[in-house]
Amino acid sequence: MDATVTVSAARSVGPGTVAIEFETPTGFEAEPGQFVKLAAEVDGESYARFYTLSSPGVGDTFEVTVGIDPDEAGPFSQHLESLADGDTIDLSGPFGDSYYDGDARVVVLAGGPGIGPAVGIAEAAVADDNDAAVVYLDDAPAHEDRLDALRDGGASVVVTDDDAALADAVADALTGVEGEQVFVYGFAGFVEAATDAIETADGDADAAKVENFG
């Protein structure tokens, strides 16, 4: 669907990372892990980017998480960073097939901005009394409060800034139990490393639901 959505809240959730919550327009439905397109005109130029939901579902509101590099942020990133309660922006979607679908166990491998869908999917699984594991590679972690809450809720959470530790963390997270679904979210370099780690751990990388941010 296409709609103009209103910001209900925006907050910093880590270094260079902002979570933006929107009021849900009538008829909008999406699953944890799907993504939407946000669009706006900034200084006379039209911009549009895709962002994955970071909320565990869609109720009266839903959320996306935006990573902003202070050294490379363009006009649209700066615009998103400046959004506040009551502001509006154009939305299309949802899109994507890499989403949580009630799986008995989820293993979410996240690099950088992949933490958004990772926390959303893991929270949805825990709320359904299913098992969840998150492996998160980043040297400046975001959503640490939600990761702590996931740990408290029984999920396995590994946060590391060491590329070399990724393979061991993935091997520990994978159990091979029936109904286990692996998700991978991140930029191309992380996706390659994560899928290699799945294969090294005798997992099935082809069965993973992958969203490559480019």
C-alpha atoms as a PDB file:
ATOM      1  CA  MET A   1       0.000   0.000   0.000  1.00  0.00           C
ATOM      2  CA  ASP A   2       0.943   3.661  -0.343  1.00  0.00           C
ATOM      3  CA  ALA A   3       0.246   6.038   2.521  1.00  0.00           C
ATOM      4  CA  THR A   4       1.446   9.123   4.328  1.00  0.00           C
ATOM      5  CA  VAL A   5       2.366   8.128   7.874  1.00  0.00           C
ATOM      6  CA  THR A   6       2.783  10.198  11.003  1.00  0.00           C
ATOM      7  CA  VAL A   7       5.710   9.897  13.399  1.00  0.00           C
ATOM      8  CA  SER A   8       4.605   9.008  16.922  1.00  0.00           C
ATOM      9  CA  ALA A   9       8.092   8.863  18.452  1.00  0.00           C
ATOM     10  CA  ALA A  10      11.765   8.973  17.497  1.00  0.00           C
ATOM     11  CA  ARG A  11      14.729   8.206  19.704  1.00  0.00           C
ATOM     12  CA  SER A  12      18.406   7.398  19.625  1.00  0.00           C
ATOM     13  CA  VAL A  13      19.036   3.689  20.222  1.00  0.00           C
ATOM     14  CA  GLY A  14      22.817   3.655  19.838  1.00  0.00           C
ATOM     15  CA  PRO A  15      25.699   5.422  18.121  1.00  0.00           C
ATOM     16  CA  GLY A  16      24.463   6.801  14.806  1.00  0.00           C
ATOM     17  CA  THR A  17      21.209   4.853  15.104  1.00  0.00           C
ATOM     18  CA  VAL A  18      17.645   6.151  15.388  1.00  0.00           C
ATOM     19  CA  ALA A  19      14.427   4.190  15.928  1.00  0.00           C
ATOM     20  CA  ILE A  20      11.387   5.878  14.360  1.00  0.00           C
ATOM     21  CA  GLU A  21       7.893   4.820  15.369  1.00  0.00           C
ATOM     22  CA  PHE A  22       4.960   5.539  13.079  1.00  0.00           C
ATOM     23  CA  GLU A  23       1.222   5.538  13.583  1.00  0.00           C
ATOM     24  CA  THR A  24      -0.161   2.594  11.622  1.00  0.00           C
ATOM     25  CA  PRO A  25      -2.320   3.647   8.666  1.00  0.00           C
ATOM     26  CA  THR A  26      -5.647   1.892   8.134  1.00  0.00           C
ATOM     27  CA  GLY A  27      -5.164  -1.420   6.337  1.00  0.00           C
ATOM     28  CA  PHE A  28      -1.414  -1.649   6.823  1.00  0.00           C
ATOM     29  CA  GLU A  29      -0.146  -5.076   7.874  1.00  0.00           C
ATOM     30  CA  ALA A  30       3.423  -6.373   7.988  1.00  0.00           C
ATOM     31  CA  GLU A  31       5.411  -9.175   9.572  1.00  0.00           C
ATOM     32  CA  PRO A  32       8.645  -8.840  11.591  1.00  0.00           C
ATOM     33  CA  GLY A  33      11.476  -8.771   9.061  1.00  0.00           C
ATOM     34  CA  GLN A  34       9.593  -7.226   6.149  1.00  0.00           C
ATOM     35  CA  PHE A  35      10.603  -3.798   4.891  1.00  0.00           C
ATOM     36  CA  VAL A  36       8.976  -0.578   3.732  1.00  0.00           C
ATOM     37  CA  LYS A  37       9.994   2.261   1.447  1.00  0.00           C
ATOM     38  CA  LEU A  38      10.133   5.724   2.973  1.00  0.00           C
ATOM     39  CA  ALA A  39      10.122   8.708   0.642  1.00  0.00           C
ATOM     40  CA  ALA A  40      10.268  12.481   0.980  1.00  0.00           C
ATOM     41  CA  GLU A  41      11.298  15.622  -0.813  1.00  0.00           C
ATOM     42  CA  VAL A  42      14.286  17.345   0.766  1.00  0.00           C
ATOM     43  CA  ASP A  43      15.491  20.723  -0.515  1.00  0.00           C
ATOM     44  CA  GLY A  44      13.632  20.197  -3.777  1.00  0.00           C
ATOM     45  CA  GLU A  45      15.035  16.711  -4.413  1.00  0.00           C
ATOM     46  CA  SER A  46      13.051  13.465  -4.151  1.00  0.00           C
ATOM     47  CA  TYR A  47      14.539  10.644  -2.100  1.00  0.00           C
ATOM     48  CA  ALA A  48      13.413   7.108  -1.243  1.00  0.00           C
ATOM     49  CA  ARG A  49      15.079   4.334   0.772  1.00  0.00           C
ATOM     50  CA  PHE A  50      14.076   0.939   2.110  1.00  0.00           C
ATOM     51  CA  TYR A  51      14.043   0.177   5.847  1.00  0.00           C
ATOM     52  CA  THR A  52      13.215  -3.058   7.622  1.00  0.00           C
ATOM     53  CA  LEU A  53      10.697  -3.174  10.439  1.00  0.00           C
ATOM     54  CA  SER A  54      12.321  -3.401  13.849  1.00  0.00           C
ATOM     55  CA  SER A  55       9.111  -3.837  15.826  1.00  0.00           C
ATOM     56  CA  PRO A  56       7.925  -7.360  16.694  1.00  0.00           C
ATOM     57  CA  GLY A  57       4.652  -6.693  14.905  1.00  0.00           C
ATOM     58  CA  VAL A  58       2.214  -4.014  13.807  1.00  0.00           C
ATOM     59  CA  GLY A  59      -0.359  -2.677  16.234  1.00  0.00           C
ATOM     60  CA  ASP A  60      -1.350   0.939  16.688  1.00  0.00           C
ATOM     61  CA  THR A  61       2.241   1.754  15.736  1.00  0.00           C
ATOM     62  CA  PHE A  62       5.236   0.118  14.069  1.00  0.00           C
ATOM     63  CA  GLU A  63       8.935   0.924  14.018  1.00  0.00           C
ATOM     64  CA  VAL A  64      11.944   1.060  11.716  1.00  0.00           C
ATOM     65  CA  THR A  65      15.561   1.506  12.755  1.00  0.00           C
ATOM     66  CA  VAL A  66      17.825   3.791  10.723  1.00  0.00           C
ATOM     67  CA  GLY A  67      21.614   3.701  10.798  1.00  0.00           C
ATOM     68  CA  ILE A  68      23.222   7.074  10.070  1.00  0.00           C
ATOM     69  CA  ASP A  69      26.929   7.457   9.383  1.00  0.00           C
ATOM     70  CA  PRO A  70      27.837  10.964  10.596  1.00  0.00           C
ATOM     71  CA  ASP A  71      30.667  11.155   8.059  1.00  0.00           C
ATOM     72  CA  GLU A  72      28.574  10.059   5.064  1.00  0.00           C
ATOM     73  CA  ALA A  73      24.962  10.974   5.882  1.00  0.00           C
ATOM     74  CA  GLY A  74      23.200  12.530   2.914  1.00  0.00           C
ATOM     75  CA  PRO A  75      20.199  14.857   2.913  1.00  0.00           C
ATOM     76  CA  PHE A  76      17.650  12.053   3.296  1.00  0.00           C
ATOM     77  CA  SER A  77      19.442  10.421   6.222  1.00  0.00           C
ATOM     78  CA  GLN A  78      19.671  13.814   7.887  1.00  0.00           C
ATOM     79  CA  HIS A  79      15.967  14.328   7.239  1.00  0.00           C
ATOM     80  CA  LEU A  80      15.082  11.009   8.872  1.00  0.00           C
ATOM     81  CA  GLU A  81      17.331  11.811  11.827  1.00  0.00           C
ATOM     82  CA  SER A  82      15.459  15.086  12.333  1.00  0.00           C
ATOM     83  CA  LEU A  83      11.956  13.567  12.343  1.00  0.00           C
ATOM     84  CA  ALA A  84       9.928  14.174  15.489  1.00  0.00           C
ATOM     85  CA  ASP A  85       6.483  13.454  16.899  1.00  0.00           C
ATOM     86  CA  GLY A  86       3.812  14.712  14.486  1.00  0.00           C
ATOM     87  CA  ASP A  87       5.997  14.861  11.360  1.00  0.00           C
ATOM     88  CA  THR A  88       4.864  12.926   8.284  1.00  0.00           C
ATOM     89  CA  ILE A  89       6.549  10.940   5.529  1.00  0.00           C
ATOM     90  CA  ASP A  90       5.412   8.853   2.559  1.00  0.00           C
ATOM     91  CA  LEU A  91       5.463   5.063   2.869  1.00  0.00           C
ATOM     92  CA  SER A  92       5.039   2.137   0.480  1.00  0.00           C
ATOM     93  CA  GLY A  93       4.960  -1.558   1.327  1.00  0.00           C
ATOM     94  CA  PRO A  94       5.440  -3.877   2.987  1.00  0.00           C
ATOM     95  CA  PHE A  95       7.898  -5.849   0.855  1.00  0.00           C
ATOM     96  CA  GLY A  96      10.032  -8.951   1.307  1.00  0.00           C
ATOM     97  CA  ASP A  97       9.730 -12.661   2.039  1.00  0.00           C
ATOM     98  CA  SER A  98      12.396 -12.888   4.775  1.00  0.00           C
ATOM     99  CA  TYR A  99      10.127 -12.574   7.776  1.00  0.00           C
ATOM    100  CA  TYR A 100       9.159 -14.436  10.938  1.00  0.00           C
ATOM    101  CA  ASP A 101       6.292 -16.847  10.388  1.00  0.00           C
ATOM    102  CA  GLY A 102       5.776 -18.484  13.766  1.00  0.00           C
ATOM    103  CA  ASP A 103       8.914 -20.626  13.503  1.00  0.00           C
ATOM    104  CA  ALA A 104       9.607 -22.887  16.507  1.00  0.00           C
ATOM    105  CA  ARG A 105      13.159 -21.517  16.772  1.00  0.00           C
ATOM    106  CA  VAL A 106      14.715 -18.488  15.117  1.00  0.00           C
ATOM    107  CA  VAL A 107      18.418 -17.817  14.706  1.00  0.00           C
ATOM    108  CA  VAL A 108      19.003 -14.253  13.527  1.00  0.00           C
ATOM    109  CA  LEU A 109      22.444 -13.249  12.274  1.00  0.00           C
ATOM    110  CA  ALA A 110      22.757  -9.470  12.108  1.00  0.00           C
ATOM    111  CA  GLY A 111      25.493  -7.148  10.932  1.00  0.00           C
ATOM    112  CA  GLY A 112      25.309  -3.391  11.519  1.00  0.00           C
ATOM    113  CA  PRO A 113      21.795  -2.132  10.675  1.00  0.00           C
ATOM    114  CA  GLY A 114      20.570  -5.725  10.582  1.00  0.00           C
ATOM    115  CA  ILE A 115      20.014  -5.353  14.318  1.00  0.00           C
ATOM    116  CA  GLY A 116      16.626  -3.753  13.600  1.00  0.00           C
ATOM    117  CA  PRO A 117      14.931  -6.831  12.134  1.00  0.00           C
ATOM    118  CA  ALA A 118      16.953  -9.040  14.492  1.00  0.00           C
ATOM    119  CA  VAL A 119      15.391  -7.622  17.652  1.00  0.00           C
ATOM    120  CA  GLY A 120      11.947  -7.490  16.074  1.00  0.00           C
ATOM    121  CA  ILE A 121      12.014 -11.124  14.980  1.00  0.00           C
ATOM    122  CA  ALA A 122      13.525 -12.378  18.231  1.00  0.00           C
ATOM    123  CA  GLU A 123      10.973 -10.461  20.302  1.00  0.00           C
ATOM    124  CA  ALA A 124       8.114 -11.870  18.214  1.00  0.00           C
ATOM    125  CA  ALA A 125       9.429 -15.410  18.702  1.00  0.00           C
ATOM    126  CA  VAL A 126       9.836 -14.981  22.466  1.00  0.00           C
ATOM    127  CA  ALA A 127       6.323 -13.527  22.711  1.00  0.00           C
ATOM    128  CA  ASP A 128       5.061 -16.685  20.993  1.00  0.00           C
ATOM    129  CA  ASP A 129       6.950 -18.860  23.524  1.00  0.00           C
ATOM    130  CA  ASN A 130       9.330 -19.977  20.775  1.00  0.00           C
ATOM    131  CA  ASP A 131      13.118 -20.131  21.000  1.00  0.00           C
ATOM    132  CA  ALA A 132      15.319 -17.311  19.758  1.00  0.00           C
ATOM    133  CA  ALA A 133      19.028 -16.722  19.248  1.00  0.00           C
ATOM    134  CA  VAL A 134      20.696 -13.542  17.991  1.00  0.00           C
ATOM    135  CA  VAL A 135      24.282 -13.213  16.782  1.00  0.00           C
ATOM    136  CA  TYR A 136      25.114  -9.545  16.232  1.00  0.00           C
ATOM    137  CA  LEU A 137      28.367  -8.231  14.742  1.00  0.00           C
ATOM    138  CA  ASP A 138      29.028  -4.527  15.296  1.00  0.00           C
ATOM    139  CA  ASP A 139      31.711  -2.397  16.931  1.00  0.00           C
ATOM    140  CA  ALA A 140      29.106   0.167  18.081  1.00  0.00           C
ATOM    141  CA  PRO A 141      26.042  -1.854  19.110  1.00  0.00           C
ATOM    142  CA  ALA A 142      22.503  -0.465  18.984  1.00  0.00           C
ATOM    143  CA  HIS A 143      19.296  -1.565  20.729  1.00  0.00           C
ATOM    144  CA  GLU A 144      21.277  -2.810  23.721  1.00  0.00           C
ATOM    145  CA  ASP A 145      18.288  -2.381  26.044  1.00  0.00           C
ATOM    146  CA  ARG A 146      16.175  -4.665  23.876  1.00  0.00           C
ATOM    147  CA  LEU A 147      18.985  -7.192  23.594  1.00  0.00           C
ATOM    148  CA  ASP A 148      19.250  -7.240  27.396  1.00  0.00           C
ATOM    149  CA  ALA A 149      15.486  -7.778  27.636  1.00  0.00           C
ATOM    150  CA  LEU A 150      15.735 -10.665  25.185  1.00  0.00           C
ATOM    151  CA  ARG A 151      18.411 -12.285  27.349  1.00  0.00           C
ATOM    152  CA  ASP A 152      16.180 -11.842  30.379  1.00  0.00           C
ATOM    153  CA  GLY A 153      13.363 -13.458  28.397  1.00  0.00           C
ATOM    154  CA  GLY A 154      15.401 -16.574  27.712  1.00  0.00           C
ATOM    155  CA  ALA A 155      16.862 -15.808  24.285  1.00  0.00           C
ATOM    156  CA  SER A 156      20.500 -16.484  23.448  1.00  0.00           C
ATOM    157  CA  VAL A 157      22.220 -13.226  22.493  1.00  0.00           C
ATOM    158  CA  VAL A 158      25.837 -12.850  21.371  1.00  0.00           C
ATOM    159  CA  VAL A 159      27.210  -9.402  20.545  1.00  0.00           C
ATOM    160  CA  THR A 160      30.733  -9.180  19.170  1.00  0.00           C
ATOM    161  CA  ASP A 161      32.942  -6.764  17.262  1.00  0.00           C
ATOM    162  CA  ASP A 162      35.345  -9.536  16.251  1.00  0.00           C
ATOM    163  CA  ASP A 163      34.867 -10.869  12.713  1.00  0.00           C
ATOM    164  CA  ALA A 164      36.878 -13.950  13.627  1.00  0.00           C
ATOM    165  CA  ALA A 165      34.415 -14.813  16.402  1.00  0.00           C
ATOM    166  CA  LEU A 166      31.429 -14.911  14.055  1.00  0.00           C
ATOM    167  CA  ALA A 167      31.845 -18.511  12.889  1.00  0.00           C
ATOM    168  CA  ASP A 168      32.042 -19.898  16.441  1.00  0.00           C
ATOM    169  CA  ALA A 169      29.037 -17.854  17.545  1.00  0.00           C
ATOM    170  CA  VAL A 170      26.989 -19.084  14.587  1.00  0.00           C
ATOM    171  CA  ALA A 171      27.999 -22.687  15.252  1.00  0.00           C
ATOM    172  CA  ASP A 172      26.908 -22.344  18.877  1.00  0.00           C
ATOM    173  CA  ALA A 173      23.563 -20.780  17.870  1.00  0.00           C
ATOM    174  CA  LEU A 174      22.602 -23.417  15.304  1.00  0.00           C
ATOM    175  CA  THR A 175      20.984 -26.516  16.795  1.00  0.00           C
ATOM    176  CA  GLY A 176      19.477 -28.206  13.751  1.00  0.00           C
ATOM    177  CA  VAL A 177      16.235 -28.866  15.619  1.00  0.00           C
ATOM    178  CA  GLU A 178      13.057 -29.283  13.614  1.00  0.00           C
ATOM    179  CA  GLY A 179      11.447 -25.945  12.848  1.00  0.00           C
ATOM    180  CA  GLU A 180      14.638 -23.899  13.228  1.00  0.00           C
ATOM    181  CA  GLN A 181      14.721 -20.968  10.800  1.00  0.00           C
ATOM    182  CA  VAL A 182      17.875 -18.941  10.171  1.00  0.00           C
ATOM    183  CA  PHE A 183      17.709 -15.286   9.145  1.00  0.00           C
ATOM    184  CA  VAL A 184      20.585 -13.125   7.874  1.00  0.00           C
ATOM    185  CA  TYR A 185      20.373  -9.316   7.712  1.00  0.00           C
ATOM    186  CA  GLY A 186      23.191  -6.954   6.817  1.00  0.00           C
ATOM    187  CA  PHE A 187      25.411  -5.535   4.118  1.00  0.00           C
ATOM    188  CA  ALA A 188      26.966  -7.780   1.471  1.00  0.00           C
ATOM    189  CA  GLY A 189      30.228  -8.443   3.309  1.00  0.00           C
ATOM    190  CA  PHE A 190      28.428  -9.569   6.429  1.00  0.00           C
ATOM    191  CA  VAL A 191      25.948 -11.685   4.471  1.00  0.00           C
ATOM    192  CA  GLU A 192      28.822 -13.530   2.788  1.00  0.00           C
ATOM    193  CA  ALA A 193      30.622 -14.121   6.094  1.00  0.00           C
ATOM    194  CA  ALA A 194      27.404 -15.237   7.812  1.00  0.00           C
ATOM    195  CA  THR A 195      26.395 -17.684   5.084  1.00  0.00           C
ATOM    196  CA  ASP A 196      29.946 -19.091   5.058  1.00  0.00           C
ATOM    197  CA  ALA A 197      29.664 -19.561   8.826  1.00  0.00           C
ATOM    198  CA  ILE A 198      26.359 -21.401   8.419  1.00  0.00           C
ATOM    199  CA  GLU A 199      27.924 -23.801   5.926  1.00  0.00           C
ATOM    200  CA  THR A 200      31.000 -24.306   8.128  1.00  0.00           C
ATOM    201  CA  ALA A 201      28.671 -25.267  10.973  1.00  0.00           C
ATOM    202  CA  ASP A 202      27.001 -27.857   8.694  1.00  0.00           C
ATOM    203  CA  GLY A 203      23.896 -25.715   8.389  1.00  0.00           C
ATOM    204  CA  ASP A 204      21.918 -25.089   5.217  1.00  0.00           C
ATOM    205  CA  ALA A 205      22.691 -21.589   3.987  1.00  0.00           C
ATOM    206  CA  ASP A 206      20.285 -22.030   1.066  1.00  0.00           C
ATOM    207  CA  ALA A 207      17.403 -22.440   3.528  1.00  0.00           C
ATOM    208  CA  ALA A 208      18.248 -19.210   5.356  1.00  0.00           C
ATOM    209  CA  LYS A 209      16.048 -16.158   4.817  1.00  0.00           C
ATOM    210  CA  VAL A 210      18.478 -13.463   3.729  1.00  0.00           C
ATOM    211  CA  GLU A 211      18.119  -9.732   3.275  1.00  0.00           C
ATOM    212  CA  ASN A 212      21.205  -8.170   1.709  1.00  0.00           C
ATOM    213  CA  PHE A 213      21.347  -4.402   2.241  1.00  0.00           C
ATOM    214  CA  GLY A 214      23.791  -4.015  -0.633  1.00  0.00           C
END
